[in-house]
Amino acid sequence: MDEQLRQIGERLRGLRDVLDIPVADIARLCGISEEQYEKMESGDGELSVANLQKIAKEYGVSLDVLMFGEEPHMRHYYLTRKGQGLHVERRKAYNYESLASGFRGRKADPFIVTVEPKAADAPKEMNSHAGQEFNMVLEGEMELTIGEKVLTLSEGDSIYFDATQPHGMRTLNGKQVKFLAIIF
């Protein structure tokens, strides 16, 4: 995990250097402090896919380039076999498997997200990003907060929501949860 975070940080720093973007500008875009952003670049801070997506859209680069260091090449279709998508573990408890990393110019970013349980009293990390999001629980159970609304989703349940609303999730019953997340 640490090596992946370090590599993503290097790509972020490279993008900023090439485009001559001040740290303050990217931190403001992500809604975080300059110190938090600098920790992302050094590989020591929490990385959210939502923030990586904001950066990718704002500066016209592929999310895949930031996450995986690879430019997508396929234009007609991209097949991902079970368990074979590119993985990024953005922090210890979250693993993202990209299901369309090789498809160029895609309109959505689909992931299989696996989340390990945390202590029941651990604060829920909330984030927001442009667009919309679809989540479908494949295994386990999770609590999803969207704005002030708290929902429980079980295996087979799905939700489509406005991703500009603050949202966050946590696992329930002390068990791992796996869900399909599609970010539009």
C-alpha atoms as a PDB file:
ATOM      1  CA  MET A   1       0.000   0.000   0.000  1.00  0.00           C
ATOM      2  CA  ASP A   2       2.661   2.547   0.976  1.00  0.00           C
ATOM      3  CA  GLU A   3       4.451   2.127  -2.359  1.00  0.00           C
ATOM      4  CA  GLN A   4       1.218   2.704  -4.295  1.00  0.00           C
ATOM      5  CA  LEU A   5       0.443   5.854  -2.300  1.00  0.00           C
ATOM      6  CA  ARG A   6       3.990   7.099  -2.848  1.00  0.00           C
ATOM      7  CA  GLN A   7       3.691   6.533  -6.607  1.00  0.00           C
ATOM      8  CA  ILE A   8       0.335   8.341  -6.781  1.00  0.00           C
ATOM      9  CA  GLY A   9       1.928  11.195  -4.823  1.00  0.00           C
ATOM     10  CA  GLU A  10       4.801  11.349  -7.310  1.00  0.00           C
ATOM     11  CA  ARG A  11       2.347  11.534 -10.198  1.00  0.00           C
ATOM     12  CA  LEU A  12       0.450  14.340  -8.461  1.00  0.00           C
ATOM     13  CA  ARG A  13       3.682  16.249  -7.856  1.00  0.00           C
ATOM     14  CA  GLY A  14       4.718  15.671 -11.482  1.00  0.00           C
ATOM     15  CA  LEU A  15       1.397  16.999 -12.770  1.00  0.00           C
ATOM     16  CA  ARG A  16       1.676  20.055 -10.557  1.00  0.00           C
ATOM     17  CA  ASP A  17       5.284  20.686 -11.637  1.00  0.00           C
ATOM     18  CA  VAL A  18       4.576  20.282 -15.366  1.00  0.00           C
ATOM     19  CA  LEU A  19       1.542  22.575 -15.273  1.00  0.00           C
ATOM     20  CA  ASP A  20       3.130  24.959 -12.730  1.00  0.00           C
ATOM     21  CA  ILE A  21       0.186  24.657 -10.334  1.00  0.00           C
ATOM     22  CA  PRO A  22       0.621  26.053  -6.823  1.00  0.00           C
ATOM     23  CA  VAL A  23      -0.101  23.670  -3.933  1.00  0.00           C
ATOM     24  CA  ALA A  24      -2.720  26.134  -2.693  1.00  0.00           C
ATOM     25  CA  ASP A  25      -4.735  25.786  -5.924  1.00  0.00           C
ATOM     26  CA  ILE A  26      -4.981  22.001  -5.768  1.00  0.00           C
ATOM     27  CA  ALA A  27      -5.640  22.016  -2.012  1.00  0.00           C
ATOM     28  CA  ARG A  28      -8.487  24.502  -2.557  1.00  0.00           C
ATOM     29  CA  LEU A  29      -9.908  22.363  -5.393  1.00  0.00           C
ATOM     30  CA  CYS A  30      -9.920  19.325  -3.079  1.00  0.00           C
ATOM     31  CA  GLY A  31     -11.280  21.252  -0.104  1.00  0.00           C
ATOM     32  CA  ILE A  32      -8.313  20.349   2.100  1.00  0.00           C
ATOM     33  CA  SER A  33      -5.441  22.238   3.696  1.00  0.00           C
ATOM     34  CA  GLU A  34      -2.128  22.715   1.902  1.00  0.00           C
ATOM     35  CA  GLU A  35      -0.524  20.531   4.562  1.00  0.00           C
ATOM     36  CA  GLN A  36      -2.983  17.702   3.873  1.00  0.00           C
ATOM     37  CA  TYR A  37      -2.353  17.987   0.137  1.00  0.00           C
ATOM     38  CA  GLU A  38       1.426  17.952   0.630  1.00  0.00           C
ATOM     39  CA  LYS A  39       1.010  14.752   2.664  1.00  0.00           C
ATOM     40  CA  MET A  40      -0.871  13.260  -0.315  1.00  0.00           C
ATOM     41  CA  GLU A  41       2.063  14.139  -2.582  1.00  0.00           C
ATOM     42  CA  SER A  42       4.565  12.604  -0.169  1.00  0.00           C
ATOM     43  CA  GLY A  43       2.500   9.404   0.100  1.00  0.00           C
ATOM     44  CA  ASP A  44       1.897   9.975   3.821  1.00  0.00           C
ATOM     45  CA  GLY A  45      -1.653  11.312   3.630  1.00  0.00           C
ATOM     46  CA  GLU A  46      -5.066   9.867   2.960  1.00  0.00           C
ATOM     47  CA  LEU A  47      -5.981   9.740  -0.721  1.00  0.00           C
ATOM     48  CA  SER A  48      -9.588   9.832  -1.748  1.00  0.00           C
ATOM     49  CA  VAL A  49     -10.661   8.767  -5.200  1.00  0.00           C
ATOM     50  CA  ALA A  50     -13.039  11.732  -5.144  1.00  0.00           C
ATOM     51  CA  ASN A  51     -10.103  14.148  -4.818  1.00  0.00           C
ATOM     52  CA  LEU A  52      -8.098  12.347  -7.490  1.00  0.00           C
ATOM     53  CA  GLN A  53     -11.128  12.582  -9.774  1.00  0.00           C
ATOM     54  CA  LYS A  54     -11.464  16.332  -9.078  1.00  0.00           C
ATOM     55  CA  ILE A  55      -7.797  16.854  -9.981  1.00  0.00           C
ATOM     56  CA  ALA A  56      -8.059  14.698 -13.114  1.00  0.00           C
ATOM     57  CA  LYS A  57     -11.119  16.585 -14.391  1.00  0.00           C
ATOM     58  CA  GLU A  58      -9.787  20.037 -13.547  1.00  0.00           C
ATOM     59  CA  TYR A  59      -6.446  19.504 -15.280  1.00  0.00           C
ATOM     60  CA  GLY A  60      -7.580  17.300 -18.172  1.00  0.00           C
ATOM     61  CA  VAL A  61      -5.782  14.073 -17.307  1.00  0.00           C
ATOM     62  CA  SER A  62      -7.153  10.567 -17.027  1.00  0.00           C
ATOM     63  CA  LEU A  63      -7.960   9.308 -13.536  1.00  0.00           C
ATOM     64  CA  ASP A  64      -6.065   6.148 -14.576  1.00  0.00           C
ATOM     65  CA  VAL A  65      -2.884   8.135 -15.107  1.00  0.00           C
ATOM     66  CA  LEU A  66      -3.058   9.503 -11.559  1.00  0.00           C
ATOM     67  CA  MET A  67      -4.083   6.218  -9.936  1.00  0.00           C
ATOM     68  CA  PHE A  68      -2.147   3.658 -11.961  1.00  0.00           C
ATOM     69  CA  GLY A  69       0.363   5.583 -14.068  1.00  0.00           C
ATOM     70  CA  GLU A  70      -1.151   4.196 -17.263  1.00  0.00           C
ATOM     71  CA  GLU A  71      -3.009   5.898 -20.080  1.00  0.00           C
ATOM     72  CA  PRO A  72      -6.098   3.972 -21.268  1.00  0.00           C
ATOM     73  CA  HIS A  73      -5.902   2.760 -24.893  1.00  0.00           C
ATOM     74  CA  MET A  74      -9.070   0.803 -25.699  1.00  0.00           C
ATOM     75  CA  ARG A  75     -11.848   2.588 -27.595  1.00  0.00           C
ATOM     76  CA  HIS A  76     -14.503  -0.019 -28.409  1.00  0.00           C
ATOM     77  CA  TYR A  77     -14.530  -2.194 -25.292  1.00  0.00           C
ATOM     78  CA  TYR A  78     -12.423  -3.117 -22.286  1.00  0.00           C
ATOM     79  CA  LEU A  79     -12.843  -6.507 -20.634  1.00  0.00           C
ATOM     80  CA  THR A  80     -11.960  -6.973 -16.965  1.00  0.00           C
ATOM     81  CA  ARG A  81     -11.929 -10.567 -15.751  1.00  0.00           C
ATOM     82  CA  LYS A  82     -13.044 -11.300 -12.200  1.00  0.00           C
ATOM     83  CA  GLY A  83     -10.429 -10.049  -9.735  1.00  0.00           C
ATOM     84  CA  GLN A  84      -8.135  -8.829 -12.534  1.00  0.00           C
ATOM     85  CA  GLY A  85      -8.831  -5.076 -12.475  1.00  0.00           C
ATOM     86  CA  LEU A  86      -6.058  -2.689 -11.513  1.00  0.00           C
ATOM     87  CA  HIS A  87      -6.024  -2.262  -7.731  1.00  0.00           C
ATOM     88  CA  VAL A  88      -5.202   0.676  -5.557  1.00  0.00           C
ATOM     89  CA  GLU A  89      -5.343   0.547  -1.806  1.00  0.00           C
ATOM     90  CA  ARG A  90      -5.902   4.188  -0.954  1.00  0.00           C
ATOM     91  CA  ARG A  91      -5.596   3.573   2.747  1.00  0.00           C
ATOM     92  CA  LYS A  92      -5.339   0.532   4.918  1.00  0.00           C
ATOM     93  CA  ALA A  93      -9.081  -0.191   5.056  1.00  0.00           C
ATOM     94  CA  TYR A  94     -10.066   0.661   1.430  1.00  0.00           C
ATOM     95  CA  ASN A  95      -9.151  -1.275  -1.721  1.00  0.00           C
ATOM     96  CA  TYR A  96     -10.350  -0.063  -5.132  1.00  0.00           C
ATOM     97  CA  GLU A  97     -10.375  -2.381  -8.154  1.00  0.00           C
ATOM     98  CA  SER A  98     -10.902  -0.443 -11.376  1.00  0.00           C
ATOM     99  CA  LEU A  99     -13.213  -2.207 -13.810  1.00  0.00           C
ATOM    100  CA  ALA A 100     -12.613   0.038 -16.831  1.00  0.00           C
ATOM    101  CA  SER A 101      -9.068   1.333 -16.454  1.00  0.00           C
ATOM    102  CA  GLY A 102      -8.116   0.576 -20.045  1.00  0.00           C
ATOM    103  CA  PHE A 103     -11.104   2.231 -21.736  1.00  0.00           C
ATOM    104  CA  ARG A 104     -10.260   5.617 -23.217  1.00  0.00           C
ATOM    105  CA  GLY A 105     -12.659   8.545 -22.830  1.00  0.00           C
ATOM    106  CA  ARG A 106     -15.106   6.776 -20.544  1.00  0.00           C
ATOM    107  CA  LYS A 107     -18.023   8.683 -19.049  1.00  0.00           C
ATOM    108  CA  ALA A 108     -18.007   6.824 -15.709  1.00  0.00           C
ATOM    109  CA  ASP A 109     -15.485   5.221 -13.360  1.00  0.00           C
ATOM    110  CA  PRO A 110     -16.641   1.794 -12.097  1.00  0.00           C
ATOM    111  CA  PHE A 111     -14.852   0.184  -9.134  1.00  0.00           C
ATOM    112  CA  ILE A 112     -15.250  -2.810  -6.876  1.00  0.00           C
ATOM    113  CA  VAL A 113     -14.545  -1.306  -3.445  1.00  0.00           C
ATOM    114  CA  THR A 114     -13.599  -3.540  -0.515  1.00  0.00           C
ATOM    115  CA  VAL A 115     -13.709  -1.926   2.915  1.00  0.00           C
ATOM    116  CA  GLU A 116     -12.392  -3.485   6.106  1.00  0.00           C
ATOM    117  CA  PRO A 117     -14.258  -2.807   9.360  1.00  0.00           C
ATOM    118  CA  LYS A 118     -13.110  -0.083  11.749  1.00  0.00           C
ATOM    119  CA  ALA A 119     -13.900   0.464  15.406  1.00  0.00           C
ATOM    120  CA  ALA A 120     -17.591   1.327  15.876  1.00  0.00           C
ATOM    121  CA  ASP A 121     -16.682   4.730  17.333  1.00  0.00           C
ATOM    122  CA  ALA A 122     -14.273   5.667  14.511  1.00  0.00           C
ATOM    123  CA  PRO A 123     -15.391   8.851  12.745  1.00  0.00           C
ATOM    124  CA  LYS A 124     -16.959   8.388   9.331  1.00  0.00           C
ATOM    125  CA  GLU A 125     -14.964  10.138   6.603  1.00  0.00           C
ATOM    126  CA  MET A 126     -17.278  12.297   4.513  1.00  0.00           C
ATOM    127  CA  ASN A 127     -16.453  13.527   1.016  1.00  0.00           C
ATOM    128  CA  SER A 128     -18.167  15.009  -1.992  1.00  0.00           C
ATOM    129  CA  HIS A 129     -17.367  15.376  -5.665  1.00  0.00           C
ATOM    130  CA  ALA A 130     -18.953  16.535  -8.884  1.00  0.00           C
ATOM    131  CA  GLY A 131     -21.451  14.289 -10.590  1.00  0.00           C
ATOM    132  CA  GLN A 132     -23.431  11.325  -9.414  1.00  0.00           C
ATOM    133  CA  GLU A 133     -22.649   7.957  -7.885  1.00  0.00           C
ATOM    134  CA  PHE A 134     -24.174   4.484  -7.907  1.00  0.00           C
ATOM    135  CA  ASN A 135     -23.374   1.912  -5.199  1.00  0.00           C
ATOM    136  CA  MET A 136     -24.544  -1.705  -5.042  1.00  0.00           C
ATOM    137  CA  VAL A 137     -23.605  -3.936  -2.111  1.00  0.00           C
ATOM    138  CA  LEU A 138     -22.157  -7.248  -3.284  1.00  0.00           C
ATOM    139  CA  GLU A 139     -21.131  -8.665   0.123  1.00  0.00           C
ATOM    140  CA  GLY A 140     -21.746  -7.569   3.679  1.00  0.00           C
ATOM    141  CA  GLU A 141     -23.653  -4.601   5.023  1.00  0.00           C
ATOM    142  CA  MET A 142     -22.852  -0.901   5.208  1.00  0.00           C
ATOM    143  CA  GLU A 143     -24.178   2.303   6.634  1.00  0.00           C
ATOM    144  CA  LEU A 144     -24.213   5.109   4.075  1.00  0.00           C
ATOM    145  CA  THR A 145     -24.713   8.719   5.082  1.00  0.00           C
ATOM    146  CA  ILE A 146     -25.765  11.222   2.414  1.00  0.00           C
ATOM    147  CA  GLY A 147     -26.138  14.694   3.841  1.00  0.00           C
ATOM    148  CA  GLU A 148     -28.184  14.161   7.005  1.00  0.00           C
ATOM    149  CA  LYS A 149     -29.786  10.901   5.849  1.00  0.00           C
ATOM    150  CA  VAL A 150     -28.372   7.638   7.268  1.00  0.00           C
ATOM    151  CA  LEU A 151     -29.218   4.482   5.319  1.00  0.00           C
ATOM    152  CA  THR A 152     -28.397   0.819   5.819  1.00  0.00           C
ATOM    153  CA  LEU A 153     -27.599  -1.151   2.681  1.00  0.00           C
ATOM    154  CA  SER A 154     -27.425  -4.948   2.652  1.00  0.00           C
ATOM    155  CA  GLU A 155     -26.268  -7.404   0.016  1.00  0.00           C
ATOM    156  CA  GLY A 156     -28.159  -6.720  -3.229  1.00  0.00           C
ATOM    157  CA  ASP A 157     -29.276  -3.211  -2.233  1.00  0.00           C
ATOM    158  CA  SER A 158     -28.300  -0.313  -4.457  1.00  0.00           C
ATOM    159  CA  ILE A 159     -28.473   3.455  -4.374  1.00  0.00           C
ATOM    160  CA  TYR A 160     -27.979   6.241  -6.911  1.00  0.00           C
ATOM    161  CA  PHE A 161     -27.258   9.701  -5.500  1.00  0.00           C
ATOM    162  CA  ASP A 162     -26.034  13.240  -6.066  1.00  0.00           C
ATOM    163  CA  ALA A 163     -22.329  13.000  -5.219  1.00  0.00           C
ATOM    164  CA  THR A 164     -22.045  16.737  -4.542  1.00  0.00           C
ATOM    165  CA  GLN A 165     -23.795  15.969  -1.235  1.00  0.00           C
ATOM    166  CA  PRO A 166     -21.406  15.061   1.588  1.00  0.00           C
ATOM    167  CA  HIS A 167     -21.386  11.271   1.804  1.00  0.00           C
ATOM    168  CA  GLY A 168     -19.526   8.581   3.669  1.00  0.00           C
ATOM    169  CA  MET A 169     -19.857   4.950   4.635  1.00  0.00           C
ATOM    170  CA  ARG A 170     -18.821   2.434   7.212  1.00  0.00           C
ATOM    171  CA  THR A 171     -19.100  -1.307   7.486  1.00  0.00           C
ATOM    172  CA  LEU A 172     -21.581  -2.886   9.875  1.00  0.00           C
ATOM    173  CA  ASN A 173     -21.416  -5.940  12.138  1.00  0.00           C
ATOM    174  CA  GLY A 174     -17.596  -5.866  12.250  1.00  0.00           C
ATOM    175  CA  LYS A 175     -17.377  -7.471   8.805  1.00  0.00           C
ATOM    176  CA  GLN A 176     -15.830  -6.479   5.489  1.00  0.00           C
ATOM    177  CA  VAL A 177     -18.119  -4.990   2.845  1.00  0.00           C
ATOM    178  CA  LYS A 178     -17.665  -5.199  -0.909  1.00  0.00           C
ATOM    179  CA  PHE A 179     -19.641  -2.977  -3.255  1.00  0.00           C
ATOM    180  CA  LEU A 180     -19.787  -1.817  -6.840  1.00  0.00           C
ATOM    181  CA  ALA A 181     -19.269   1.943  -7.041  1.00  0.00           C
ATOM    182  CA  ILE A 182     -19.794   3.789 -10.296  1.00  0.00           C
ATOM    183  CA  ILE A 183     -18.821   7.461 -10.304  1.00  0.00           C
ATOM    184  CA  PHE A 184     -20.341   9.574 -13.079  1.00  0.00           C
END
